[in-house]
Amino acid sequence: RRDAKNTLYLQMNNLKPDDTAVYYCAASVQGDRAAIYYYNENNYF
C-alpha cells in the first residue's frame, strides 16, 4: 500500500495460465482479526 497515493497494489511475478481471472480489491473495516478472517469475501464491505 502507498498511503501517499491512497492506493493498494498487487505485484504479480512469474504469472501462470491458472492466474487468469478478474481481480478485485476489497476493503474490510476489521483491522485486527486473525488471518483466516480475511480469507472470507463476506467480511469485506
ModelCIF file with pLDDT and N, C-alpha, C, O atoms, coordinates in Angstrom:
data_MODEL
#
_entry.id   MODEL 
#
_entity.id                         1 
_entity.type                       polymer 
_entity.pdbx_number_of_molecules   1 
#
_entity_poly.entity_id                      1 
_entity_poly.type                           'polypeptide(L)' 
_entity_poly.nstd_linkage                   no 
_entity_poly.nstd_monomer                   no 
_entity_poly.pdbx_seq_one_letter_code       RRDAKNTLYLQMNNLKPDDTAVYYCAASVQGDRAAIYYYNENNYF 
_entity_poly.pdbx_seq_one_letter_code_can   RRDAKNTLYLQMNNLKPDDTAVYYCAASVQGDRAAIYYYNENNYF 
_entity_poly.pdbx_strand_id                 A 
#
loop_
_entity_poly_seq.entity_id 
_entity_poly_seq.num 
_entity_poly_seq.mon_id 
_entity_poly_seq.hetero 
1 1  ARG n 
1 2  ARG n 
1 3  ASP n 
1 4  ALA n 
1 5  LYS n 
1 6  ASN n 
1 7  THR n 
1 8  LEU n 
1 9  TYR n 
1 10 LEU n 
1 11 GLN n 
1 12 MET n 
1 13 ASN n 
1 14 ASN n 
1 15 LEU n 
1 16 LYS n 
1 17 PRO n 
1 18 ASP n 
1 19 ASP n 
1 20 THR n 
1 21 ALA n 
1 22 VAL n 
1 23 TYR n 
1 24 TYR n 
1 25 CYS n 
1 26 ALA n 
1 27 ALA n 
1 28 SER n 
1 29 VAL n 
1 30 GLN n 
1 31 GLY n 
1 32 ASP n 
1 33 ARG n 
1 34 ALA n 
1 35 ALA n 
1 36 ILE n 
1 37 TYR n 
1 38 TYR n 
1 39 TYR n 
1 40 ASN n 
1 41 GLU n 
1 42 ASN n 
1 43 ASN n 
1 44 TYR n 
1 45 PHE n 
#
_struct_asym.id          A 
_struct_asym.entity_id   1 
#
loop_
_ma_qa_metric.id 
_ma_qa_metric.mode 
_ma_qa_metric.name 
_ma_qa_metric.software_group_id 
_ma_qa_metric.type 
1 global pLDDT . pLDDT 
2 local  pLDDT . pLDDT 
#
_ma_qa_metric_global.metric_id      1 
_ma_qa_metric_global.metric_value   95.91 
_ma_qa_metric_global.model_id       1 
_ma_qa_metric_global.ordinal_id     1 
#
loop_
_ma_qa_metric_local.label_asym_id 
_ma_qa_metric_local.label_comp_id 
_ma_qa_metric_local.label_seq_id 
_ma_qa_metric_local.metric_id 
_ma_qa_metric_local.metric_value 
_ma_qa_metric_local.model_id 
_ma_qa_metric_local.ordinal_id 
A ARG 1  2 96.00 1 1  
A ARG 2  2 96.00 1 2  
A ASP 3  2 93.00 1 3  
A ALA 4  2 95.00 1 4  
A LYS 5  2 97.00 1 5  
A ASN 6  2 97.00 1 6  
A THR 7  2 98.00 1 7  
A LEU 8  2 98.00 1 8  
A TYR 9  2 98.00 1 9  
A LEU 10 2 98.00 1 10 
A GLN 11 2 98.00 1 11 
A MET 12 2 98.00 1 12 
A ASN 13 2 98.00 1 13 
A ASN 14 2 98.00 1 14 
A LEU 15 2 98.00 1 15 
A LYS 16 2 98.00 1 16 
A PRO 17 2 97.00 1 17 
A ASP 18 2 97.00 1 18 
A ASP 19 2 98.00 1 19 
A THR 20 2 98.00 1 20 
A ALA 21 2 98.00 1 21 
A VAL 22 2 98.00 1 22 
A TYR 23 2 98.00 1 23 
A TYR 24 2 98.00 1 24 
A CYS 25 2 98.00 1 25 
A ALA 26 2 98.00 1 26 
A ALA 27 2 97.00 1 27 
A SER 28 2 95.00 1 28 
A VAL 29 2 92.00 1 29 
A GLN 30 2 90.00 1 30 
A GLY 31 2 87.00 1 31 
A ASP 32 2 89.00 1 32 
A ARG 33 2 92.00 1 33 
A ALA 34 2 92.00 1 34 
A ALA 35 2 92.00 1 35 
A ILE 36 2 94.00 1 36 
A TYR 37 2 95.00 1 37 
A TYR 38 2 96.00 1 38 
A TYR 39 2 96.00 1 39 
A ASN 40 2 96.00 1 40 
A GLU 41 2 96.00 1 41 
A ASN 42 2 96.00 1 42 
A ASN 43 2 96.00 1 43 
A TYR 44 2 97.00 1 44 
A PHE 45 2 96.00 1 45 
#
loop_
_atom_site.group_PDB 
_atom_site.id 
_atom_site.type_symbol 
_atom_site.label_atom_id 
_atom_site.label_alt_id 
_atom_site.label_comp_id 
_atom_site.label_asym_id 
_atom_site.label_entity_id 
_atom_site.label_seq_id 
_atom_site.pdbx_PDB_ins_code 
_atom_site.Cartn_x 
_atom_site.Cartn_y 
_atom_site.Cartn_z 
_atom_site.occupancy 
_atom_site.B_iso_or_equiv 
_atom_site.pdbx_formal_charge 
_atom_site.auth_seq_id 
_atom_site.auth_comp_id 
_atom_site.auth_asym_id 
_atom_site.auth_atom_id 
_atom_site.pdbx_PDB_model_num 
ATOM 1   N N  . ARG A 1 1  ? 0.851   -1.190  0.000   1.00 96.00 ? 1  ARG A N  1 
ATOM 2   C CA . ARG A 1 1  ? 0.000   0.000   0.000   1.00 96.00 ? 1  ARG A CA 1 
ATOM 3   C C  . ARG A 1 1  ? 0.888   1.241   0.000   1.00 96.00 ? 1  ARG A C  1 
ATOM 4   O O  . ARG A 1 1  ? 1.935   1.262   0.646   1.00 96.00 ? 1  ARG A O  1 
ATOM 5   N N  . ARG A 1 2  ? 0.475   2.249   -0.710  1.00 96.00 ? 2  ARG A N  1 
ATOM 6   C CA . ARG A 1 2  ? 1.161   3.551   -0.710  1.00 96.00 ? 2  ARG A CA 1 
ATOM 7   C C  . ARG A 1 2  ? 0.155   4.587   -0.224  1.00 96.00 ? 2  ARG A C  1 
ATOM 8   O O  . ARG A 1 2  ? -0.686  5.064   -0.986  1.00 96.00 ? 2  ARG A O  1 
ATOM 9   N N  . ASP A 1 3  ? 0.259   4.924   1.059   1.00 93.00 ? 3  ASP A N  1 
ATOM 10  C CA . ASP A 1 3  ? -0.722  5.819   1.666   1.00 93.00 ? 3  ASP A CA 1 
ATOM 11  C C  . ASP A 1 3  ? -0.710  7.201   1.023   1.00 93.00 ? 3  ASP A C  1 
ATOM 12  O O  . ASP A 1 3  ? -1.752  7.850   0.931   1.00 93.00 ? 3  ASP A O  1 
ATOM 13  N N  . ALA A 1 4  ? 0.437   7.648   0.587   1.00 95.00 ? 4  ALA A N  1 
ATOM 14  C CA . ALA A 1 4  ? 0.515   8.981   -0.031  1.00 95.00 ? 4  ALA A CA 1 
ATOM 15  C C  . ALA A 1 4  ? -0.330  9.059   -1.297  1.00 95.00 ? 4  ALA A C  1 
ATOM 16  O O  . ALA A 1 4  ? -0.825  10.124  -1.665  1.00 95.00 ? 4  ALA A O  1 
ATOM 17  N N  . LYS A 1 5  ? -0.487  7.908   -1.959  1.00 97.00 ? 5  LYS A N  1 
ATOM 18  C CA . LYS A 1 5  ? -1.306  7.856   -3.183  1.00 97.00 ? 5  LYS A CA 1 
ATOM 19  C C  . LYS A 1 5  ? -2.677  7.263   -2.914  1.00 97.00 ? 5  LYS A C  1 
ATOM 20  O O  . LYS A 1 5  ? -3.513  7.171   -3.814  1.00 97.00 ? 5  LYS A O  1 
ATOM 21  N N  . ASN A 1 6  ? -2.904  6.859   -1.657  1.00 97.00 ? 6  ASN A N  1 
ATOM 22  C CA . ASN A 1 6  ? -4.174  6.232   -1.295  1.00 97.00 ? 6  ASN A CA 1 
ATOM 23  C C  . ASN A 1 6  ? -4.499  5.061   -2.240  1.00 97.00 ? 6  ASN A C  1 
ATOM 24  O O  . ASN A 1 6  ? -5.625  4.907   -2.713  1.00 97.00 ? 6  ASN A O  1 
ATOM 25  N N  . THR A 1 7  ? -3.487  4.264   -2.488  1.00 98.00 ? 7  THR A N  1 
ATOM 26  C CA . THR A 1 7  ? -3.607  3.205   -3.484  1.00 98.00 ? 7  THR A CA 1 
ATOM 27  C C  . THR A 1 7  ? -3.014  1.898   -2.949  1.00 98.00 ? 7  THR A C  1 
ATOM 28  O O  . THR A 1 7  ? -1.976  1.878   -2.288  1.00 98.00 ? 7  THR A O  1 
ATOM 29  N N  . LEU A 1 8  ? -3.714  0.823   -3.260  1.00 98.00 ? 8  LEU A N  1 
ATOM 30  C CA . LEU A 1 8  ? -3.276  -0.537  -2.955  1.00 98.00 ? 8  LEU A CA 1 
ATOM 31  C C  . LEU A 1 8  ? -2.736  -1.158  -4.228  1.00 98.00 ? 8  LEU A C  1 
ATOM 32  O O  . LEU A 1 8  ? -3.223  -0.878  -5.323  1.00 98.00 ? 8  LEU A O  1 
ATOM 33  N N  . TYR A 1 9  ? -1.714  -2.014  -4.077  1.00 98.00 ? 9  TYR A N  1 
ATOM 34  C CA . TYR A 1 9  ? -1.109  -2.643  -5.248  1.00 98.00 ? 9  TYR A CA 1 
ATOM 35  C C  . TYR A 1 9  ? -1.022  -4.154  -5.065  1.00 98.00 ? 9  TYR A C  1 
ATOM 36  O O  . TYR A 1 9  ? -1.040  -4.670  -3.947  1.00 98.00 ? 9  TYR A O  1 
ATOM 37  N N  . LEU A 1 10 ? -0.929  -4.835  -6.184  1.00 98.00 ? 10 LEU A N  1 
ATOM 38  C CA . LEU A 1 10 ? -0.635  -6.263  -6.178  1.00 98.00 ? 10 LEU A CA 1 
ATOM 39  C C  . LEU A 1 10 ? 0.405   -6.503  -7.258  1.00 98.00 ? 10 LEU A C  1 
ATOM 40  O O  . LEU A 1 10 ? 0.096   -6.472  -8.449  1.00 98.00 ? 10 LEU A O  1 
ATOM 41  N N  . GLN A 1 11 ? 1.634   -6.742  -6.838  1.00 98.00 ? 11 GLN A N  1 
ATOM 42  C CA . GLN A 1 11 ? 2.710   -7.066  -7.755  1.00 98.00 ? 11 GLN A CA 1 
ATOM 43  C C  . GLN A 1 11 ? 2.664   -8.567  -8.018  1.00 98.00 ? 11 GLN A C  1 
ATOM 44  O O  . GLN A 1 11 ? 2.740   -9.371  -7.088  1.00 98.00 ? 11 GLN A O  1 
ATOM 45  N N  . MET A 1 12 ? 2.540   -8.937  -9.285  1.00 98.00 ? 12 MET A N  1 
ATOM 46  C CA . MET A 1 12 ? 2.400   -10.352 -9.655  1.00 98.00 ? 12 MET A CA 1 
ATOM 47  C C  . MET A 1 12 ? 3.553   -10.751 -10.565 1.00 98.00 ? 12 MET A C  1 
ATOM 48  O O  . MET A 1 12 ? 3.707   -10.212 -11.661 1.00 98.00 ? 12 MET A O  1 
ATOM 49  N N  . ASN A 1 13 ? 4.343   -11.679 -10.112 1.00 98.00 ? 13 ASN A N  1 
ATOM 50  C CA . ASN A 1 13 ? 5.501   -12.160 -10.873 1.00 98.00 ? 13 ASN A CA 1 
ATOM 51  C C  . ASN A 1 13 ? 5.312   -13.630 -11.229 1.00 98.00 ? 13 ASN A C  1 
ATOM 52  O O  . ASN A 1 13 ? 4.510   -14.339 -10.621 1.00 98.00 ? 13 ASN A O  1 
ATOM 53  N N  . ASN A 1 14 ? 6.070   -14.065 -12.227 1.00 98.00 ? 14 ASN A N  1 
ATOM 54  C CA . ASN A 1 14 ? 6.041   -15.469 -12.648 1.00 98.00 ? 14 ASN A CA 1 
ATOM 55  C C  . ASN A 1 14 ? 4.596   -15.948 -12.852 1.00 98.00 ? 14 ASN A C  1 
ATOM 56  O O  . ASN A 1 14 ? 4.182   -16.976 -12.315 1.00 98.00 ? 14 ASN A O  1 
ATOM 57  N N  . LEU A 1 15 ? 3.870   -15.198 -13.618 1.00 98.00 ? 15 LEU A N  1 
ATOM 58  C CA . LEU A 1 15 ? 2.455   -15.496 -13.820 1.00 98.00 ? 15 LEU A CA 1 
ATOM 59  C C  . LEU A 1 15 ? 2.263   -16.797 -14.590 1.00 98.00 ? 15 LEU A C  1 
ATOM 60  O O  . LEU A 1 15 ? 3.067   -17.168 -15.446 1.00 98.00 ? 15 LEU A O  1 
ATOM 61  N N  . LYS A 1 16 ? 1.172   -17.471 -14.257 1.00 98.00 ? 16 LYS A N  1 
ATOM 62  C CA . LYS A 1 16 ? 0.831   -18.758 -14.852 1.00 98.00 ? 16 LYS A CA 1 
ATOM 63  C C  . LYS A 1 16 ? -0.563  -18.675 -15.473 1.00 98.00 ? 16 LYS A C  1 
ATOM 64  O O  . LYS A 1 16 ? -1.357  -17.820 -15.082 1.00 98.00 ? 16 LYS A O  1 
ATOM 65  N N  . PRO A 1 17 ? -0.872  -19.542 -16.427 1.00 97.00 ? 17 PRO A N  1 
ATOM 66  C CA . PRO A 1 17 ? -2.232  -19.523 -17.006 1.00 97.00 ? 17 PRO A CA 1 
ATOM 67  C C  . PRO A 1 17 ? -3.333  -19.652 -15.942 1.00 97.00 ? 17 PRO A C  1 
ATOM 68  O O  . PRO A 1 17 ? -4.414  -19.087 -16.105 1.00 97.00 ? 17 PRO A O  1 
ATOM 69  N N  . ASP A 1 18 ? -3.071  -20.382 -14.867 1.00 97.00 ? 18 ASP A N  1 
ATOM 70  C CA . ASP A 1 18 ? -4.070  -20.524 -13.798 1.00 97.00 ? 18 ASP A CA 1 
ATOM 71  C C  . ASP A 1 18 ? -4.333  -19.221 -13.062 1.00 97.00 ? 18 ASP A C  1 
ATOM 72  O O  . ASP A 1 18 ? -5.296  -19.136 -12.300 1.00 97.00 ? 18 ASP A O  1 
ATOM 73  N N  . ASP A 1 19 ? -3.507  -18.206 -13.267 1.00 98.00 ? 19 ASP A N  1 
ATOM 74  C CA . ASP A 1 19 ? -3.742  -16.904 -12.653 1.00 98.00 ? 19 ASP A CA 1 
ATOM 75  C C  . ASP A 1 19 ? -4.751  -16.071 -13.440 1.00 98.00 ? 19 ASP A C  1 
ATOM 76  O O  . ASP A 1 19 ? -5.146  -14.993 -12.997 1.00 98.00 ? 19 ASP A O  1 
ATOM 77  N N  . THR A 1 20 ? -5.163  -16.559 -14.585 1.00 98.00 ? 20 THR A N  1 
ATOM 78  C CA . THR A 1 20 ? -6.132  -15.840 -15.405 1.00 98.00 ? 20 THR A CA 1 
ATOM 79  C C  . THR A 1 20 ? -7.449  -15.709 -14.651 1.00 98.00 ? 20 THR A C  1 
ATOM 80  O O  . THR A 1 20 ? -8.032  -16.704 -14.220 1.00 98.00 ? 20 THR A O  1 
ATOM 81  N N  . ALA A 1 21 ? -7.912  -14.464 -14.496 1.00 98.00 ? 21 ALA A N  1 
ATOM 82  C CA . ALA A 1 21 ? -9.120  -14.194 -13.715 1.00 98.00 ? 21 ALA A CA 1 
ATOM 83  C C  . ALA A 1 21 ? -9.407  -12.696 -13.748 1.00 98.00 ? 21 ALA A C  1 
ATOM 84  O O  . ALA A 1 21 ? -8.595  -11.890 -14.202 1.00 98.00 ? 21 ALA A O  1 
ATOM 85  N N  . VAL A 1 22 ? -10.581 -12.362 -13.254 1.00 98.00 ? 22 VAL A N  1 
ATOM 86  C CA . VAL A 1 22 ? -10.874 -10.962 -12.935 1.00 98.00 ? 22 VAL A CA 1 
ATOM 87  C C  . VAL A 1 22 ? -10.420 -10.749 -11.488 1.00 98.00 ? 22 VAL A C  1 
ATOM 88  O O  . VAL A 1 22 ? -10.796 -11.503 -10.591 1.00 98.00 ? 22 VAL A O  1 
ATOM 89  N N  . TYR A 1 23 ? -9.617  -9.722  -11.281 1.00 98.00 ? 23 TYR A N  1 
ATOM 90  C CA . TYR A 1 23 ? -9.071  -9.429  -9.966  1.00 98.00 ? 23 TYR A CA 1 
ATOM 91  C C  . TYR A 1 23 ? -9.810  -8.241  -9.350  1.00 98.00 ? 23 TYR A C  1 
ATOM 92  O O  . TYR A 1 23 ? -10.024 -7.215  -9.995  1.00 98.00 ? 23 TYR A O  1 
ATOM 93  N N  . TYR A 1 24 ? -10.190 -8.410  -8.089  1.00 98.00 ? 24 TYR A N  1 
ATOM 94  C CA . TYR A 1 24 ? -10.943 -7.408  -7.359  1.00 98.00 ? 24 TYR A CA 1 
ATOM 95  C C  . TYR A 1 24 ? -10.174 -6.985  -6.106  1.00 98.00 ? 24 TYR A C  1 
ATOM 96  O O  . TYR A 1 24 ? -9.544  -7.811  -5.446  1.00 98.00 ? 24 TYR A O  1 
ATOM 97  N N  . CYS A 1 25 ? -10.233 -5.704  -5.791  1.00 98.00 ? 25 CYS A N  1 
ATOM 98  C CA . CYS A 1 25 ? -9.775  -5.277  -4.483  1.00 98.00 ? 25 CYS A CA 1 
ATOM 99  C C  . CYS A 1 25 ? -11.001 -5.025  -3.609  1.00 98.00 ? 25 CYS A C  1 
ATOM 100 O O  . CYS A 1 25 ? -12.088 -4.725  -4.103  1.00 98.00 ? 25 CYS A O  1 
ATOM 101 N N  . ALA A 1 26 ? -10.799 -5.153  -2.312  1.00 98.00 ? 26 ALA A N  1 
ATOM 102 C CA . ALA A 1 26 ? -11.908 -5.033  -1.376  1.00 98.00 ? 26 ALA A CA 1 
ATOM 103 C C  . ALA A 1 26 ? -11.397 -4.487  -0.050  1.00 98.00 ? 26 ALA A C  1 
ATOM 104 O O  . ALA A 1 26 ? -10.236 -4.670  0.314   1.00 98.00 ? 26 ALA A O  1 
ATOM 105 N N  . ALA A 1 27 ? -12.293 -3.813  0.658   1.00 97.00 ? 27 ALA A N  1 
ATOM 106 C CA . ALA A 1 27 ? -11.948 -3.188  1.931   1.00 97.00 ? 27 ALA A CA 1 
ATOM 107 C C  . ALA A 1 27 ? -12.764 -3.806  3.059   1.00 97.00 ? 27 ALA A C  1 
ATOM 108 O O  . ALA A 1 27 ? -13.979 -3.982  2.964   1.00 97.00 ? 27 ALA A O  1 
ATOM 109 N N  . SER A 1 28 ? -12.046 -4.125  4.128   1.00 95.00 ? 28 SER A N  1 
ATOM 110 C CA . SER A 1 28 ? -12.680 -4.638  5.343   1.00 95.00 ? 28 SER A CA 1 
ATOM 111 C C  . SER A 1 28 ? -12.468 -3.645  6.471   1.00 95.00 ? 28 SER A C  1 
ATOM 112 O O  . SER A 1 28 ? -11.366 -3.130  6.655   1.00 95.00 ? 28 SER A O  1 
ATOM 113 N N  . VAL A 1 29 ? -13.521 -3.380  7.221   1.00 92.00 ? 29 VAL A N  1 
ATOM 114 C CA . VAL A 1 29 ? -13.395 -2.418  8.314   1.00 92.00 ? 29 VAL A CA 1 
ATOM 115 C C  . VAL A 1 29 ? -12.689 -3.027  9.526   1.00 92.00 ? 29 VAL A C  1 
ATOM 116 O O  . VAL A 1 29 ? -12.276 -2.309  10.436  1.00 92.00 ? 29 VAL A O  1 
ATOM 117 N N  . GLN A 1 30 ? -12.556 -4.335  9.531   1.00 90.00 ? 30 GLN A N  1 
ATOM 118 C CA . GLN A 1 30 ? -11.895 -5.001  10.646  1.00 90.00 ? 30 GLN A CA 1 
ATOM 119 C C  . GLN A 1 30 ? -10.389 -4.988  10.437  1.00 90.00 ? 30 GLN A C  1 
ATOM 120 O O  . GLN A 1 30 ? -9.883  -5.431  9.406   1.00 90.00 ? 30 GLN A O  1 
ATOM 121 N N  . GLY A 1 31 ? -9.682  -4.471  11.439  1.00 87.00 ? 31 GLY A N  1 
ATOM 122 C CA . GLY A 1 31 ? -8.244  -4.314  11.272  1.00 87.00 ? 31 GLY A CA 1 
ATOM 123 C C  . GLY A 1 31 ? -7.387  -5.217  12.102  1.00 87.00 ? 31 GLY A C  1 
ATOM 124 O O  . GLY A 1 31 ? -6.164  -5.214  11.959  1.00 87.00 ? 31 GLY A O  1 
ATOM 125 N N  . ASP A 1 32 ? -8.001  -6.003  12.978  1.00 89.00 ? 32 ASP A N  1 
ATOM 126 C CA . ASP A 1 32 ? -7.200  -6.737  13.947  1.00 89.00 ? 32 ASP A CA 1 
ATOM 127 C C  . ASP A 1 32 ? -7.584  -8.205  14.079  1.00 89.00 ? 32 ASP A C  1 
ATOM 128 O O  . ASP A 1 32 ? -7.328  -8.832  15.106  1.00 89.00 ? 32 ASP A O  1 
ATOM 129 N N  . ARG A 1 33 ? -8.202  -8.748  13.031  1.00 92.00 ? 33 ARG A N  1 
ATOM 130 C CA . ARG A 1 33 ? -8.605  -10.133 13.097  1.00 92.00 ? 33 ARG A CA 1 
ATOM 131 C C  . ARG A 1 33 ? -7.460  -11.064 12.680  1.00 92.00 ? 33 ARG A C  1 
ATOM 132 O O  . ARG A 1 33 ? -6.469  -10.640 12.085  1.00 92.00 ? 33 ARG A O  1 
ATOM 133 N N  . ALA A 1 34 ? -7.633  -12.332 13.010  1.00 92.00 ? 34 ALA A N  1 
ATOM 134 C CA . ALA A 1 34 ? -6.679  -13.335 12.560  1.00 92.00 ? 34 ALA A CA 1 
ATOM 135 C C  . ALA A 1 34 ? -6.760  -13.484 11.046  1.00 92.00 ? 34 ALA A C  1 
ATOM 136 O O  . ALA A 1 34 ? -7.759  -13.122 10.424  1.00 92.00 ? 34 ALA A O  1 
ATOM 137 N N  . ALA A 1 35 ? -5.722  -14.008 10.485  1.00 92.00 ? 35 ALA A N  1 
ATOM 138 C CA . ALA A 1 35 ? -5.606  -14.085 9.028   1.00 92.00 ? 35 ALA A CA 1 
ATOM 139 C C  . ALA A 1 35 ? -6.812  -14.757 8.383   1.00 92.00 ? 35 ALA A C  1 
ATOM 140 O O  . ALA A 1 35 ? -7.292  -14.305 7.343   1.00 92.00 ? 35 ALA A O  1 
ATOM 141 N N  . ILE A 1 36 ? -7.302  -15.827 8.988   1.00 94.00 ? 36 ILE A N  1 
ATOM 142 C CA . ILE A 1 36 ? -8.375  -16.605 8.373   1.00 94.00 ? 36 ILE A CA 1 
ATOM 143 C C  . ILE A 1 36 ? -9.636  -15.776 8.181   1.00 94.00 ? 36 ILE A C  1 
ATOM 144 O O  . ILE A 1 36 ? -10.439 -16.063 7.293   1.00 94.00 ? 36 ILE A O  1 
ATOM 145 N N  . TYR A 1 37 ? -9.812  -14.769 8.993   1.00 95.00 ? 37 TYR A N  1 
ATOM 146 C CA . TYR A 1 37 ? -10.975 -13.886 8.851   1.00 95.00 ? 37 TYR A CA 1 
ATOM 147 C C  . TYR A 1 37 ? -10.980 -13.239 7.471   1.00 95.00 ? 37 TYR A C  1 
ATOM 148 O O  . TYR A 1 37 ? -12.034 -13.092 6.851   1.00 95.00 ? 37 TYR A O  1 
ATOM 149 N N  . TYR A 1 38 ? -9.840  -12.865 7.007   1.00 96.00 ? 38 TYR A N  1 
ATOM 150 C CA . TYR A 1 38 ? -9.732  -12.105 5.756   1.00 96.00 ? 38 TYR A CA 1 
ATOM 151 C C  . TYR A 1 38 ? -9.801  -12.990 4.518   1.00 96.00 ? 38 TYR A C  1 
ATOM 152 O O  . TYR A 1 38 ? -9.864  -12.477 3.401   1.00 96.00 ? 38 TYR A O  1 
ATOM 153 N N  . TYR A 1 39 ? -9.791  -14.291 4.693   1.00 96.00 ? 39 TYR A N  1 
ATOM 154 C CA . TYR A 1 39 ? -9.919  -15.176 3.551   1.00 96.00 ? 39 TYR A CA 1 
ATOM 155 C C  . TYR A 1 39 ? -11.362 -15.256 3.043   1.00 96.00 ? 39 TYR A C  1 
ATOM 156 O O  . TYR A 1 39 ? -11.616 -15.736 1.939   1.00 96.00 ? 39 TYR A O  1 
ATOM 157 N N  . ASN A 1 40 ? -12.282 -14.788 3.848   1.00 96.00 ? 40 ASN A N  1 
ATOM 158 C CA . ASN A 1 40 ? -13.707 -14.884 3.552   1.00 96.00 ? 40 ASN A CA 1 
ATOM 159 C C  . ASN A 1 40 ? -14.191 -13.599 2.904   1.00 96.00 ? 40 ASN A C  1 
ATOM 160 O O  . ASN A 1 40 ? -14.125 -12.537 3.524   1.00 96.00 ? 40 ASN A O  1 
ATOM 161 N N  . GLU A 1 41 ? -14.673 -13.668 1.679   1.00 96.00 ? 41 GLU A N  1 
ATOM 162 C CA . GLU A 1 41 ? -15.097 -12.479 0.949   1.00 96.00 ? 41 GLU A CA 1 
ATOM 163 C C  . GLU A 1 41 ? -16.267 -11.785 1.634   1.00 96.00 ? 41 GLU A C  1 
ATOM 164 O O  . GLU A 1 41 ? -16.476 -10.589 1.434   1.00 96.00 ? 41 GLU A O  1 
ATOM 165 N N  . ASN A 1 42 ? -17.020 -12.506 2.425   1.00 96.00 ? 42 ASN A N  1 
ATOM 166 C CA . ASN A 1 42 ? -18.180 -11.920 3.099   1.00 96.00 ? 42 ASN A CA 1 
ATOM 167 C C  . ASN A 1 42 ? -17.782 -10.923 4.189   1.00 96.00 ? 42 ASN A C  1 
ATOM 168 O O  . ASN A 1 42 ? -18.625 -10.184 4.697   1.00 96.00 ? 42 ASN A O  1 
ATOM 169 N N  . ASN A 1 43 ? -16.505 -10.905 4.544   1.00 96.00 ? 43 ASN A N  1 
ATOM 170 C CA . ASN A 1 43 ? -16.033 -9.981  5.571   1.00 96.00 ? 43 ASN A CA 1 
ATOM 171 C C  . ASN A 1 43 ? -15.503 -8.673  4.994   1.00 96.00 ? 43 ASN A C  1 
ATOM 172 O O  . ASN A 1 43 ? -14.879 -7.879  5.697   1.00 96.00 ? 43 ASN A O  1 
ATOM 173 N N  . TYR A 1 44 ? -15.757 -8.464  3.721   1.00 97.00 ? 44 TYR A N  1 
ATOM 174 C CA . TYR A 1 44 ? -15.372 -7.218  3.051   1.00 97.00 ? 44 TYR A CA 1 
ATOM 175 C C  . TYR A 1 44 ? -16.642 -6.490  2.632   1.00 97.00 ? 44 TYR A C  1 
ATOM 176 O O  . TYR A 1 44 ? -17.563 -7.089  2.076   1.00 97.00 ? 44 TYR A O  1 
ATOM 177 N N  . PHE A 1 45 ? -16.677 -5.200  2.906   1.00 96.00 ? 45 PHE A N  1 
ATOM 178 C CA . PHE A 1 45 ? -17.904 -4.450  2.641   1.00 96.00 ? 45 PHE A CA 1 
ATOM 179 C C  . PHE A 1 45 ? -17.838 -3.667  1.339   1.00 96.00 ? 45 PHE A C  1 
ATOM 180 O O  . PHE A 1 45 ? -18.799 -2.986  0.980   1.00 96.00 ? 45 PHE A O  1 
#
